[in-house]
């Protein structure tokens, strides 16, 4: 399935919109590839410039620093995931079936199947699992939040929270459960590959097992 998707990004994250030029799109494409390959700590604008065939100054015309670039691509993924949930659940009327589908969407591996081609959603999914928390676990998170850096993530949590409320209008903690669900879906995947002794899953049919766990966690909490 190929869908033309345009994710609206917070303007304060960039100096020049990377979607509006070939260089900007290459910055996004190659930054995703490099961060996935080397990790965020080793990621430098100098290496990014070399991989693109441009200058560091050219990259700095788009992004003030590498943290804002990380937040940009992670936020893009949250926006894309929010779109996926809205699109795939649009015709699902039963709220319980809808929530189960949301859990599958959050947990399953991602394939690169969307336009624009410069965004590899599969690699971005891997970055989210390994590096996503670094976008907000900082000393300046409050300032970043005031700049609306995390709006796509909060929009996603709100979308999932509203579906939880559809299942049980009396449940008191829909948005807390929504953010927990989103984080756990990705953390368990990280633990399986890196800290297996603190999870009950291995790499054999891992998505199915995580989905089973999350269904148990969510529906036991909302009691429906």
Protein backbone atom coordinates (compact mmCIF):
# COMPACT_ATOMS: atom_id res chain seq x y z
CA UNK A 1 0.00 0.00 0.00
CA UNK A 2 1.41 3.39 -1.02
CA UNK A 3 -0.05 6.57 0.36
CA UNK A 4 1.00 10.15 -0.21
CA UNK A 5 1.31 11.46 3.34
CA UNK A 6 2.30 14.95 4.37
CA UNK A 7 3.14 15.27 8.07
CA UNK A 8 2.83 18.79 9.45
CA UNK A 9 5.92 19.58 11.49
CA UNK A 10 6.50 22.19 14.19
CA UNK A 11 8.26 25.14 12.53
CA UNK A 12 10.42 25.88 15.58
CA UNK A 13 12.31 22.61 14.96
CA UNK A 14 13.95 23.84 11.77
CA UNK A 15 15.44 26.99 10.29
CA UNK A 16 14.42 26.08 6.74
CA UNK A 17 11.74 23.53 5.86
CA UNK A 18 13.65 20.42 4.69
CA UNK A 19 10.65 19.19 2.71
CA UNK A 20 10.92 22.13 0.33
CA UNK A 21 14.28 21.32 -1.30
CA UNK A 22 16.31 18.40 -2.57
CA UNK A 23 19.08 19.12 -0.06
CA UNK A 24 16.59 19.25 2.80
CA UNK A 25 15.04 15.93 1.81
CA UNK A 26 18.54 14.42 1.52
CA UNK A 27 19.33 15.67 5.03
CA UNK A 28 16.32 13.78 6.36
CA UNK A 29 17.05 10.67 4.31
CA UNK A 30 20.74 10.40 5.20
CA UNK A 31 20.30 11.40 8.84
CA UNK A 32 17.86 8.50 9.29
CA UNK A 33 20.34 6.13 7.68
CA UNK A 34 23.31 7.38 9.74
CA UNK A 35 21.56 7.51 13.10
CA UNK A 36 20.22 3.99 12.60
CA UNK A 37 23.70 2.75 11.63
CA UNK A 38 25.96 4.57 14.10
CA UNK A 39 23.66 5.66 16.95
CA UNK A 40 22.76 9.21 17.95
CA UNK A 41 25.83 9.75 20.15
CA UNK A 42 28.19 9.14 17.22
CA UNK A 43 26.07 11.07 14.74
CA UNK A 44 27.72 14.32 13.61
CA UNK A 45 26.77 16.92 11.05
CA UNK A 46 30.24 16.50 9.53
CA UNK A 47 29.54 12.83 8.80
CA UNK A 48 26.09 13.71 7.51
CA UNK A 49 27.52 16.32 5.16
CA UNK A 50 30.06 13.81 3.82
CA UNK A 51 27.38 11.20 3.15
CA UNK A 52 25.24 13.72 1.25
CA UNK A 53 28.11 15.42 -0.59
CA UNK A 54 27.48 18.87 0.86
CA UNK A 55 28.93 21.10 3.58
CA UNK A 56 28.23 21.32 7.29
CA UNK A 57 27.21 24.93 6.73
CA UNK A 58 24.54 23.73 4.32
CA UNK A 59 23.06 21.46 7.00
CA UNK A 60 23.18 24.20 9.63
CA UNK A 61 21.00 26.31 7.35
CA UNK A 62 18.24 23.75 8.00
CA UNK A 63 18.83 22.61 11.58
CA UNK A 64 20.39 24.48 14.47
CA UNK A 65 21.79 21.31 16.06
CA UNK A 66 21.55 17.54 15.94
CA UNK A 67 19.08 17.37 18.83
CA UNK A 68 16.51 19.35 16.87
CA UNK A 69 17.11 17.08 13.89
CA UNK A 70 16.50 14.02 16.09
CA UNK A 71 13.30 15.52 17.48
CA UNK A 72 12.23 16.34 13.92
CA UNK A 73 12.53 12.79 12.60
CA UNK A 74 11.06 11.23 15.76
CA UNK A 75 8.15 13.68 15.63
CA UNK A 76 7.67 12.85 11.95
CA UNK A 77 7.32 9.21 12.94
CA UNK A 78 4.77 10.01 15.67
CA UNK A 79 2.76 12.02 13.16
CA UNK A 80 2.92 9.21 10.63
CA UNK A 81 1.83 6.69 13.28
CA UNK A 82 -1.10 8.91 14.27
CA UNK A 83 -2.11 9.05 10.60
CA UNK A 84 -1.86 5.25 10.33
CA UNK A 85 -4.11 4.75 13.35
CA UNK A 86 -6.70 7.18 12.01
CA UNK A 87 -6.60 5.69 8.52
CA UNK A 88 -6.70 2.02 9.53
CA UNK A 89 -9.38 2.39 12.22
CA UNK A 90 -11.61 4.77 10.29
CA UNK A 91 -14.20 2.16 9.35
CA UNK A 92 -13.95 0.08 12.54
CA UNK A 93 -17.09 0.72 14.57
CA UNK A 94 -16.57 -1.58 17.55
CA UNK A 95 -14.29 0.26 20.04
CA UNK A 96 -12.73 -2.92 21.44
CA UNK A 97 -11.81 -4.11 17.95
CA UNK A 98 -10.48 -0.64 17.22
CA UNK A 99 -8.26 -0.65 20.32
CA UNK A 100 -6.93 -4.12 19.50
CA UNK A 101 -6.03 -2.87 16.04
CA UNK A 102 -4.25 0.12 17.58
CA UNK A 103 -2.15 -2.23 19.71
CA UNK A 104 -1.15 -4.17 16.57
CA UNK A 105 -0.23 -0.97 14.74
CA UNK A 106 1.94 0.19 17.65
CA UNK A 107 3.69 -3.17 18.00
CA UNK A 108 4.22 -4.58 14.53
CA UNK A 109 7.38 -4.05 12.53
CA UNK A 110 7.16 -1.29 9.95
CA UNK A 111 7.84 -1.65 6.23
CA UNK A 112 8.94 1.16 3.96
CA UNK A 113 5.80 1.53 1.91
CA UNK A 114 4.94 5.20 1.79
CA UNK A 115 5.65 8.24 -0.30
CA UNK A 116 7.76 10.42 0.18
CA UNK A 117 10.59 8.07 -0.70
CA UNK A 118 13.24 10.01 1.26
CA UNK A 119 11.74 8.79 4.56
CA UNK A 120 12.47 5.15 5.33
CA UNK A 121 9.79 4.32 7.89
CA UNK A 122 11.39 0.96 8.69
CA UNK A 123 14.71 2.53 9.70
CA UNK A 124 12.88 5.31 11.51
CA UNK A 125 10.97 2.72 13.52
CA UNK A 126 14.30 1.20 14.60
CA UNK A 127 15.58 4.65 15.59
CA UNK A 128 12.46 5.28 17.63
CA UNK A 129 12.97 2.06 19.58
CA UNK A 130 16.66 2.72 20.28
CA UNK A 131 16.84 6.52 20.44
CA UNK A 132 13.33 7.91 20.80
CA UNK A 133 13.47 8.73 24.51
CA UNK A 134 16.56 10.90 23.91
CA UNK A 135 14.34 13.39 22.15
CA UNK A 136 12.66 14.39 25.42
CA UNK A 137 14.77 13.05 28.32
CA UNK A 138 16.80 16.25 28.54
CA UNK A 139 17.31 19.10 30.98
CA UNK A 140 15.55 21.48 28.59
CA UNK A 141 12.44 19.37 28.01
CA UNK A 142 10.18 22.04 29.51
CA UNK A 143 11.49 24.70 27.16
CA UNK A 144 11.21 22.30 24.22
CA UNK A 145 7.64 21.50 25.19
CA UNK A 146 6.78 25.21 25.26
CA UNK A 147 8.08 25.37 21.69
CA UNK A 148 5.60 22.63 20.69
CA UNK A 149 8.37 20.16 19.81
CA UNK A 150 6.34 17.21 21.08
CA UNK A 151 2.94 18.10 19.63
CA UNK A 152 2.84 15.07 17.26
CA UNK A 153 3.56 12.76 20.19
CA UNK A 154 0.89 14.39 22.33
CA UNK A 155 -1.57 14.24 19.44
CA UNK A 156 -0.88 10.51 19.10
CA UNK A 157 -1.40 9.95 22.83
CA UNK A 158 -4.65 11.88 22.63
CA UNK A 159 -5.86 9.79 19.68
CA UNK A 160 -5.16 6.53 21.51
CA UNK A 161 -6.64 7.94 24.74
CA UNK A 162 -9.90 8.80 22.96
CA UNK A 163 -10.18 5.23 21.67
CA UNK A 164 -9.60 3.91 25.21
CA UNK A 165 -12.42 6.18 26.43
CA UNK A 166 -14.70 4.74 23.74
CA UNK A 167 -14.16 1.30 25.30
CA UNK A 168 -14.95 2.46 28.83
CA UNK A 169 -16.24 5.99 29.36
CA UNK A 170 -15.82 5.56 33.13
CA UNK A 171 -12.13 4.71 33.02
CA UNK A 172 -10.21 7.42 34.89
CA UNK A 173 -6.79 7.28 33.26
CA UNK A 174 -7.20 7.04 29.46
CA UNK A 175 -4.34 9.34 28.51
CA UNK A 176 -1.94 7.91 31.09
CA UNK A 177 -2.74 4.44 29.77
CA UNK A 178 -2.34 5.64 26.18
CA UNK A 179 1.18 7.01 26.75
CA UNK A 180 2.08 3.88 28.75
CA UNK A 181 0.84 1.67 25.91
CA UNK A 182 2.85 3.57 23.30
CA UNK A 183 6.04 3.51 25.36
CA UNK A 184 5.75 -0.13 26.45
CA UNK A 185 5.12 -1.30 22.88
CA UNK A 186 8.52 0.09 21.89
CA UNK A 187 10.42 -0.55 25.13
CA UNK A 188 9.63 -4.25 25.13
CA UNK A 189 11.04 -4.49 21.63
CA UNK A 190 14.21 -2.75 22.84
CA UNK A 191 14.49 -5.05 25.87
CA UNK A 192 14.13 -8.19 23.75
CA UNK A 193 17.20 -7.21 21.72
CA UNK A 194 19.30 -5.57 24.42
CA UNK A 195 18.17 -6.52 27.96
CA UNK A 196 16.39 -9.86 27.51
CA UNK A 197 16.54 -10.86 31.17
CA UNK A 198 14.08 -8.12 32.14
CA UNK A 199 11.37 -9.26 29.75
CA UNK A 200 9.49 -12.52 29.25
CA UNK A 201 9.86 -12.54 25.48
CA UNK A 202 12.46 -13.70 22.98
CA UNK A 203 12.76 -13.03 19.25
CA UNK A 204 10.51 -15.93 18.30
CA UNK A 205 7.20 -14.41 17.18
CA UNK A 206 8.04 -11.43 19.37
CA UNK A 207 5.34 -9.15 17.93
CA UNK A 208 2.60 -11.68 18.64
CA UNK A 209 3.80 -12.10 22.23
CA UNK A 210 4.07 -8.37 22.87
CA UNK A 211 0.58 -7.86 21.41
CA UNK A 212 -0.78 -10.57 23.71
CA UNK A 213 0.89 -8.89 26.70
CA UNK A 214 -0.39 -5.43 25.78
CA UNK A 215 -3.92 -6.70 25.24
CA UNK A 216 -3.79 -8.25 28.69
CA UNK A 217 -2.36 -5.05 30.22
CA UNK A 218 -4.83 -2.68 28.58
CA UNK A 219 -8.05 -4.64 28.81
CA UNK A 220 -7.35 -5.72 32.38
CA UNK A 221 -6.95 -2.05 33.25
CA UNK A 222 -10.08 -0.76 31.54
CA UNK A 223 -12.10 -3.87 32.47
CA UNK A 224 -13.89 -4.50 29.19
